[in-house]
Amino acid sequence: MHMEPRTFGQLKQQTDEQLMAQLRTGDNDALAVLFDRYHRLVLSIALKIVRDMGEAEDVMQTVFLDIFRTVAQFDAAKGTTKVWILQYAYHRAINRRQHLQVRNFYTQIEVEEAAPGLFDRVPSLGGMTQLELKQFLEQALATVTPAQKKVIELASHEGLSMQEISDKTGESVVNVRHHYYRGLKKLRSFVLGTGREKEEVGR
């Protein structure tokens, strides 16, 4: 069935299922509206599963790319668009977590002991723009020491284990673990809004 292209404003007024129908005809703006509606939810789910903002953002982008590529398979009779999107979010995030675990991305005991639920209680993160989120993360990293920041970045961005970071930096594994523990605690304090020492100093 042929469907006339819609303006972005008109698309925003449509239901999810109508947007999927538009997307099936090649109207890419329909995907932008779906992204606007659901990217925060997808990011929140991915973040809780992979426990890393950069990885969660990658999962989020992959999910919407999947939707674009497989829109022809969507069947409204089998479930809502929202459920379909969430299924992709869970599956992609779980697959990514398993991939990261194989690469020793997580030192599971350290993460759970040093910063349990780092992002679990931060619903406000989902309401940020990309620029605001980037600035927020830069502010968070500013609360840790250079040594702590380096260890966290090597573990998060390169997926290195504590031993590999030790080999790369020349520091002992004990020191690497210490930097990692303390850095995560500071980040958790900042993210949860309890680390207000910087604000007090600036007043």
C-alpha atoms as a PDB file:
ATOM      1  CA  MET A   1       0.000   0.000   0.000  1.00  0.00           C
ATOM      2  CA  HIS A   2       1.392   3.395  -1.009  1.00  0.00           C
ATOM      3  CA  MET A   3       1.630   5.980   1.755  1.00  0.00           C
ATOM      4  CA  GLU A   4       2.232   9.666   1.275  1.00  0.00           C
ATOM      5  CA  PRO A   5       5.353  11.079   2.960  1.00  0.00           C
ATOM      6  CA  ARG A   6       4.602  13.020   6.119  1.00  0.00           C
ATOM      7  CA  THR A   7       6.235  16.074   7.610  1.00  0.00           C
ATOM      8  CA  PHE A   8       8.199  15.540  10.803  1.00  0.00           C
ATOM      9  CA  GLY A   9       5.476  17.371  12.724  1.00  0.00           C
ATOM     10  CA  GLN A  10       2.790  15.095  11.286  1.00  0.00           C
ATOM     11  CA  LEU A  11       4.835  12.008  12.073  1.00  0.00           C
ATOM     12  CA  LYS A  12       5.137  13.051  15.713  1.00  0.00           C
ATOM     13  CA  GLN A  13       1.352  12.891  15.960  1.00  0.00           C
ATOM     14  CA  GLN A  14       1.193   9.319  14.685  1.00  0.00           C
ATOM     15  CA  THR A  15       0.990   6.122  16.714  1.00  0.00           C
ATOM     16  CA  ASP A  16       3.972   3.784  16.922  1.00  0.00           C
ATOM     17  CA  GLU A  17       2.321   1.331  14.556  1.00  0.00           C
ATOM     18  CA  GLN A  18       1.625   4.076  12.021  1.00  0.00           C
ATOM     19  CA  LEU A  19       5.275   5.108  12.228  1.00  0.00           C
ATOM     20  CA  MET A  20       6.356   1.533  11.573  1.00  0.00           C
ATOM     21  CA  ALA A  21       4.122   1.496   8.485  1.00  0.00           C
ATOM     22  CA  GLN A  22       5.689   4.748   7.293  1.00  0.00           C
ATOM     23  CA  LEU A  23       9.169   3.393   7.955  1.00  0.00           C
ATOM     24  CA  ARG A  24       8.340   0.301   5.920  1.00  0.00           C
ATOM     25  CA  THR A  25       7.676   2.557   2.923  1.00  0.00           C
ATOM     26  CA  GLY A  26      11.126   4.115   3.253  1.00  0.00           C
ATOM     27  CA  ASP A  27      10.181   7.233   5.238  1.00  0.00           C
ATOM     28  CA  ASN A  28      13.334   7.506   7.367  1.00  0.00           C
ATOM     29  CA  ASP A  29      11.944  10.411   9.382  1.00  0.00           C
ATOM     30  CA  ALA A  30       9.627   7.881  11.027  1.00  0.00           C
ATOM     31  CA  LEU A  31      12.685   6.243  12.581  1.00  0.00           C
ATOM     32  CA  ALA A  32      13.804   9.611  13.949  1.00  0.00           C
ATOM     33  CA  VAL A  33      10.449   9.988  15.714  1.00  0.00           C
ATOM     34  CA  LEU A  34      10.668   6.459  17.154  1.00  0.00           C
ATOM     35  CA  PHE A  35      14.211   7.237  18.301  1.00  0.00           C
ATOM     36  CA  ASP A  36      12.971  10.405  19.989  1.00  0.00           C
ATOM     37  CA  ARG A  37      10.281   8.415  21.799  1.00  0.00           C
ATOM     38  CA  TYR A  38      12.292   5.428  22.926  1.00  0.00           C
ATOM     39  CA  HIS A  39      16.044   6.090  22.905  1.00  0.00           C
ATOM     40  CA  ARG A  40      16.095   7.061  26.608  1.00  0.00           C
ATOM     41  CA  LEU A  41      14.336   3.844  27.578  1.00  0.00           C
ATOM     42  CA  VAL A  42      16.621   1.733  25.391  1.00  0.00           C
ATOM     43  CA  LEU A  43      19.698   3.490  26.804  1.00  0.00           C
ATOM     44  CA  SER A  44      18.466   2.939  30.365  1.00  0.00           C
ATOM     45  CA  ILE A  45      17.975  -0.799  29.775  1.00  0.00           C
ATOM     46  CA  ALA A  46      21.333  -1.159  28.042  1.00  0.00           C
ATOM     47  CA  LEU A  47      23.108   0.770  30.794  1.00  0.00           C
ATOM     48  CA  LYS A  48      21.723  -1.452  33.537  1.00  0.00           C
ATOM     49  CA  ILE A  49      22.894  -4.549  31.672  1.00  0.00           C
ATOM     50  CA  VAL A  50      26.312  -3.552  30.293  1.00  0.00           C
ATOM     51  CA  ARG A  51      27.173  -1.111  33.123  1.00  0.00           C
ATOM     52  CA  ASP A  52      29.126   1.265  30.888  1.00  0.00           C
ATOM     53  CA  MET A  53      27.778   4.414  29.276  1.00  0.00           C
ATOM     54  CA  GLY A  54      29.843   4.185  26.091  1.00  0.00           C
ATOM     55  CA  GLU A  55      28.876   0.557  25.536  1.00  0.00           C
ATOM     56  CA  ALA A  56      25.227   1.351  26.338  1.00  0.00           C
ATOM     57  CA  GLU A  57      25.195   4.112  23.715  1.00  0.00           C
ATOM     58  CA  ASP A  58      26.622   1.679  21.158  1.00  0.00           C
ATOM     59  CA  VAL A  59      23.893  -0.830  22.017  1.00  0.00           C
ATOM     60  CA  MET A  60      21.250   1.887  21.670  1.00  0.00           C
ATOM     61  CA  GLN A  61      22.468   2.864  18.206  1.00  0.00           C
ATOM     62  CA  THR A  62      22.602  -0.794  17.151  1.00  0.00           C
ATOM     63  CA  VAL A  63      19.029  -1.358  18.329  1.00  0.00           C
ATOM     64  CA  PHE A  64      17.642   1.418  16.154  1.00  0.00           C
ATOM     65  CA  LEU A  65      19.778   0.282  13.228  1.00  0.00           C
ATOM     66  CA  ASP A  66      18.264  -3.202  13.704  1.00  0.00           C
ATOM     67  CA  ILE A  67      14.776  -1.699  13.660  1.00  0.00           C
ATOM     68  CA  PHE A  68      15.545   0.118  10.422  1.00  0.00           C
ATOM     69  CA  ARG A  69      16.917  -3.038   8.784  1.00  0.00           C
ATOM     70  CA  THR A  70      14.209  -5.452   9.953  1.00  0.00           C
ATOM     71  CA  VAL A  71      11.113  -3.242   9.873  1.00  0.00           C
ATOM     72  CA  ALA A  72       9.566  -5.531   7.244  1.00  0.00           C
ATOM     73  CA  GLN A  73       9.468  -8.306   9.863  1.00  0.00           C
ATOM     74  CA  PHE A  74       7.410  -6.284  12.322  1.00  0.00           C
ATOM     75  CA  ASP A  75       3.946  -7.727  12.879  1.00  0.00           C
ATOM     76  CA  ALA A  76       1.603  -5.569  14.985  1.00  0.00           C
ATOM     77  CA  ALA A  77      -0.596  -8.621  15.559  1.00  0.00           C
ATOM     78  CA  LYS A  78       2.193 -10.239  17.597  1.00  0.00           C
ATOM     79  CA  GLY A  79       2.908  -7.288  19.869  1.00  0.00           C
ATOM     80  CA  THR A  80       3.332  -3.538  20.141  1.00  0.00           C
ATOM     81  CA  THR A  81       6.168  -1.565  18.642  1.00  0.00           C
ATOM     82  CA  LYS A  82       7.381  -0.705  22.139  1.00  0.00           C
ATOM     83  CA  VAL A  83       7.635  -4.371  23.135  1.00  0.00           C
ATOM     84  CA  TRP A  84       9.425  -5.138  19.857  1.00  0.00           C
ATOM     85  CA  ILE A  85      11.958  -2.384  20.496  1.00  0.00           C
ATOM     86  CA  LEU A  86      12.489  -3.493  24.103  1.00  0.00           C
ATOM     87  CA  GLN A  87      13.101  -7.072  22.996  1.00  0.00           C
ATOM     88  CA  TYR A  88      15.843  -5.836  20.691  1.00  0.00           C
ATOM     89  CA  ALA A  89      17.252  -3.717  23.534  1.00  0.00           C
ATOM     90  CA  TYR A  90      17.423  -6.642  25.968  1.00  0.00           C
ATOM     91  CA  HIS A  91      18.830  -9.103  23.447  1.00  0.00           C
ATOM     92  CA  ARG A  92      21.444  -6.705  22.102  1.00  0.00           C
ATOM     93  CA  ALA A  93      22.506  -5.595  25.587  1.00  0.00           C
ATOM     94  CA  ILE A  94      22.771  -9.149  26.923  1.00  0.00           C
ATOM     95  CA  ASN A  95      24.756 -10.246  23.884  1.00  0.00           C
ATOM     96  CA  ARG A  96      27.072  -7.260  24.322  1.00  0.00           C
ATOM     97  CA  ARG A  97      27.549  -8.010  28.016  1.00  0.00           C
ATOM     98  CA  GLN A  98      28.470 -11.623  27.224  1.00  0.00           C
ATOM     99  CA  HIS A  99      30.944 -10.402  24.599  1.00  0.00           C
ATOM    100  CA  LEU A 100      32.525  -7.991  27.097  1.00  0.00           C
ATOM    101  CA  GLN A 101      32.738 -10.664  29.783  1.00  0.00           C
ATOM    102  CA  VAL A 102      34.659 -12.932  27.415  1.00  0.00           C
ATOM    103  CA  ARG A 103      37.103 -10.065  26.885  1.00  0.00           C
ATOM    104  CA  ASN A 104      37.458  -9.586  30.653  1.00  0.00           C
ATOM    105  CA  PHE A 105      35.864  -6.155  30.363  1.00  0.00           C
ATOM    106  CA  TYR A 106      34.378  -6.611  33.802  1.00  0.00           C
ATOM    107  CA  THR A 107      36.265  -7.379  36.955  1.00  0.00           C
ATOM    108  CA  GLN A 108      32.959  -8.448  38.396  1.00  0.00           C
ATOM    109  CA  ILE A 109      33.890  -8.573  42.060  1.00  0.00           C
ATOM    110  CA  GLU A 110      35.491  -5.126  41.967  1.00  0.00           C
ATOM    111  CA  VAL A 111      32.521  -3.561  40.216  1.00  0.00           C
ATOM    112  CA  GLU A 112      29.951  -5.058  42.562  1.00  0.00           C
ATOM    113  CA  GLU A 113      31.942  -4.254  45.715  1.00  0.00           C
ATOM    114  CA  ALA A 114      33.234  -0.846  44.739  1.00  0.00           C
ATOM    115  CA  ALA A 115      30.206   0.615  43.008  1.00  0.00           C
ATOM    116  CA  PRO A 116      27.071  -1.528  43.175  1.00  0.00           C
ATOM    117  CA  GLY A 117      24.238  -0.079  41.111  1.00  0.00           C
ATOM    118  CA  LEU A 118      26.337   2.804  39.836  1.00  0.00           C
ATOM    119  CA  PHE A 119      23.635   4.033  37.474  1.00  0.00           C
ATOM    120  CA  ASP A 120      20.581   2.200  38.813  1.00  0.00           C
ATOM    121  CA  ARG A 121      19.193   5.195  40.659  1.00  0.00           C
ATOM    122  CA  VAL A 122      19.840   7.863  38.040  1.00  0.00           C
ATOM    123  CA  PRO A 123      16.686   8.166  35.904  1.00  0.00           C
ATOM    124  CA  SER A 124      17.610  11.748  35.078  1.00  0.00           C
ATOM    125  CA  LEU A 125      20.463  10.568  32.840  1.00  0.00           C
ATOM    126  CA  GLY A 126      17.962   9.515  30.210  1.00  0.00           C
ATOM    127  CA  GLY A 127      16.658  13.063  29.876  1.00  0.00           C
ATOM    128  CA  MET A 128      20.003  14.525  28.843  1.00  0.00           C
ATOM    129  CA  THR A 129      21.000  15.522  25.345  1.00  0.00           C
ATOM    130  CA  GLN A 130      24.196  14.014  23.932  1.00  0.00           C
ATOM    131  CA  LEU A 131      26.048  17.263  24.686  1.00  0.00           C
ATOM    132  CA  GLU A 132      24.718  17.455  28.247  1.00  0.00           C
ATOM    133  CA  LEU A 133      25.609  13.824  28.836  1.00  0.00           C
ATOM    134  CA  LYS A 134      29.136  14.380  27.496  1.00  0.00           C
ATOM    135  CA  GLN A 135      29.568  17.385  29.807  1.00  0.00           C
ATOM    136  CA  PHE A 136      28.149  15.423  32.749  1.00  0.00           C
ATOM    137  CA  LEU A 137      30.594  12.558  32.215  1.00  0.00           C
ATOM    138  CA  GLU A 138      33.490  15.000  31.860  1.00  0.00           C
ATOM    139  CA  GLN A 139      32.489  16.566  35.185  1.00  0.00           C
ATOM    140  CA  ALA A 140      32.273  13.117  36.769  1.00  0.00           C
ATOM    141  CA  LEU A 141      35.747  12.152  35.520  1.00  0.00           C
ATOM    142  CA  ALA A 142      37.092  15.456  36.829  1.00  0.00           C
ATOM    143  CA  THR A 143      36.399  14.200  40.363  1.00  0.00           C
ATOM    144  CA  VAL A 144      38.943  11.375  40.108  1.00  0.00           C
ATOM    145  CA  THR A 145      42.730  11.539  40.102  1.00  0.00           C
ATOM    146  CA  PRO A 146      44.684  11.167  36.830  1.00  0.00           C
ATOM    147  CA  ALA A 147      45.811   7.674  37.897  1.00  0.00           C
ATOM    148  CA  GLN A 148      42.240   6.617  38.707  1.00  0.00           C
ATOM    149  CA  LYS A 149      40.947   8.071  35.441  1.00  0.00           C
ATOM    150  CA  LYS A 150      43.591   6.228  33.395  1.00  0.00           C
ATOM    151  CA  VAL A 151      42.782   2.873  35.007  1.00  0.00           C
ATOM    152  CA  ILE A 152      39.018   3.337  34.577  1.00  0.00           C
ATOM    153  CA  GLU A 153      39.429   4.365  30.932  1.00  0.00           C
ATOM    154  CA  LEU A 154      41.708   1.401  30.176  1.00  0.00           C
ATOM    155  CA  ALA A 155      39.190  -0.948  31.772  1.00  0.00           C
ATOM    156  CA  SER A 156      36.126   0.682  30.178  1.00  0.00           C
ATOM    157  CA  HIS A 157      37.330   1.709  26.729  1.00  0.00           C
ATOM    158  CA  GLU A 158      39.902  -0.980  25.977  1.00  0.00           C
ATOM    159  CA  GLY A 159      38.381  -3.780  28.072  1.00  0.00           C
ATOM    160  CA  LEU A 160      41.690  -4.543  29.803  1.00  0.00           C
ATOM    161  CA  SER A 161      41.862  -6.670  32.948  1.00  0.00           C
ATOM    162  CA  MET A 162      43.583  -5.448  36.120  1.00  0.00           C
ATOM    163  CA  GLN A 163      46.645  -7.552  35.235  1.00  0.00           C
ATOM    164  CA  GLU A 164      46.780  -6.148  31.698  1.00  0.00           C
ATOM    165  CA  ILE A 165      46.506  -2.591  33.017  1.00  0.00           C
ATOM    166  CA  SER A 166      49.320  -3.368  35.455  1.00  0.00           C
ATOM    167  CA  ASP A 167      51.492  -4.633  32.596  1.00  0.00           C
ATOM    168  CA  LYS A 168      50.689  -1.591  30.461  1.00  0.00           C
ATOM    169  CA  THR A 169      51.210   1.079  33.143  1.00  0.00           C
ATOM    170  CA  GLY A 170      54.040  -0.530  35.081  1.00  0.00           C
ATOM    171  CA  GLU A 171      52.116  -0.230  38.332  1.00  0.00           C
ATOM    172  CA  SER A 172      51.488  -3.180  40.615  1.00  0.00           C
ATOM    173  CA  VAL A 173      48.161  -4.999  40.398  1.00  0.00           C
ATOM    174  CA  VAL A 174      47.489  -3.889  43.985  1.00  0.00           C
ATOM    175  CA  ASN A 175      47.874  -0.224  43.006  1.00  0.00           C
ATOM    176  CA  VAL A 176      45.781  -0.689  39.866  1.00  0.00           C
ATOM    177  CA  ARG A 177      42.979  -2.255  41.916  1.00  0.00           C
ATOM    178  CA  HIS A 178      43.231   0.572  44.448  1.00  0.00           C
ATOM    179  CA  HIS A 179      42.933   3.235  41.731  1.00  0.00           C
ATOM    180  CA  TYR A 180      40.005   1.364  40.216  1.00  0.00           C
ATOM    181  CA  TYR A 181      38.138   0.943  43.526  1.00  0.00           C
ATOM    182  CA  ARG A 182      38.634   4.549  44.615  1.00  0.00           C
ATOM    183  CA  GLY A 183      37.838   5.958  41.178  1.00  0.00           C
ATOM    184  CA  LEU A 184      34.574   4.025  40.869  1.00  0.00           C
ATOM    185  CA  LYS A 185      33.533   5.096  44.355  1.00  0.00           C
ATOM    186  CA  LYS A 186      34.106   8.750  43.456  1.00  0.00           C
ATOM    187  CA  LEU A 187      32.190   8.392  40.204  1.00  0.00           C
ATOM    188  CA  ARG A 188      29.331   6.665  41.988  1.00  0.00           C
ATOM    189  CA  SER A 189      29.258   9.430  44.595  1.00  0.00           C
ATOM    190  CA  PHE A 190      29.129  12.074  41.884  1.00  0.00           C
ATOM    191  CA  VAL A 191      26.506  10.301  39.785  1.00  0.00           C
ATOM    192  CA  LEU A 192      24.206   9.697  42.744  1.00  0.00           C
ATOM    193  CA  GLY A 193      24.464  13.332  43.749  1.00  0.00           C
ATOM    194  CA  THR A 194      26.150  12.666  47.087  1.00  0.00           C
ATOM    195  CA  GLY A 195      29.574  13.994  46.176  1.00  0.00           C
ATOM    196  CA  ARG A 196      28.938  17.671  46.771  1.00  0.00           C
ATOM    197  CA  GLU A 197      32.350  18.582  48.133  1.00  0.00           C
ATOM    198  CA  LYS A 198      33.257  20.357  44.872  1.00  0.00           C
ATOM    199  CA  GLU A 199      30.087  22.414  44.981  1.00  0.00           C
ATOM    200  CA  GLU A 200      30.705  23.475  48.566  1.00  0.00           C
ATOM    201  CA  VAL A 201      34.246  24.612  47.728  1.00  0.00           C
ATOM    202  CA  GLY A 202      32.968  26.701  44.837  1.00  0.00           C
ATOM    203  CA  ARG A 203      30.463  28.638  46.939  1.00  0.00           C
END
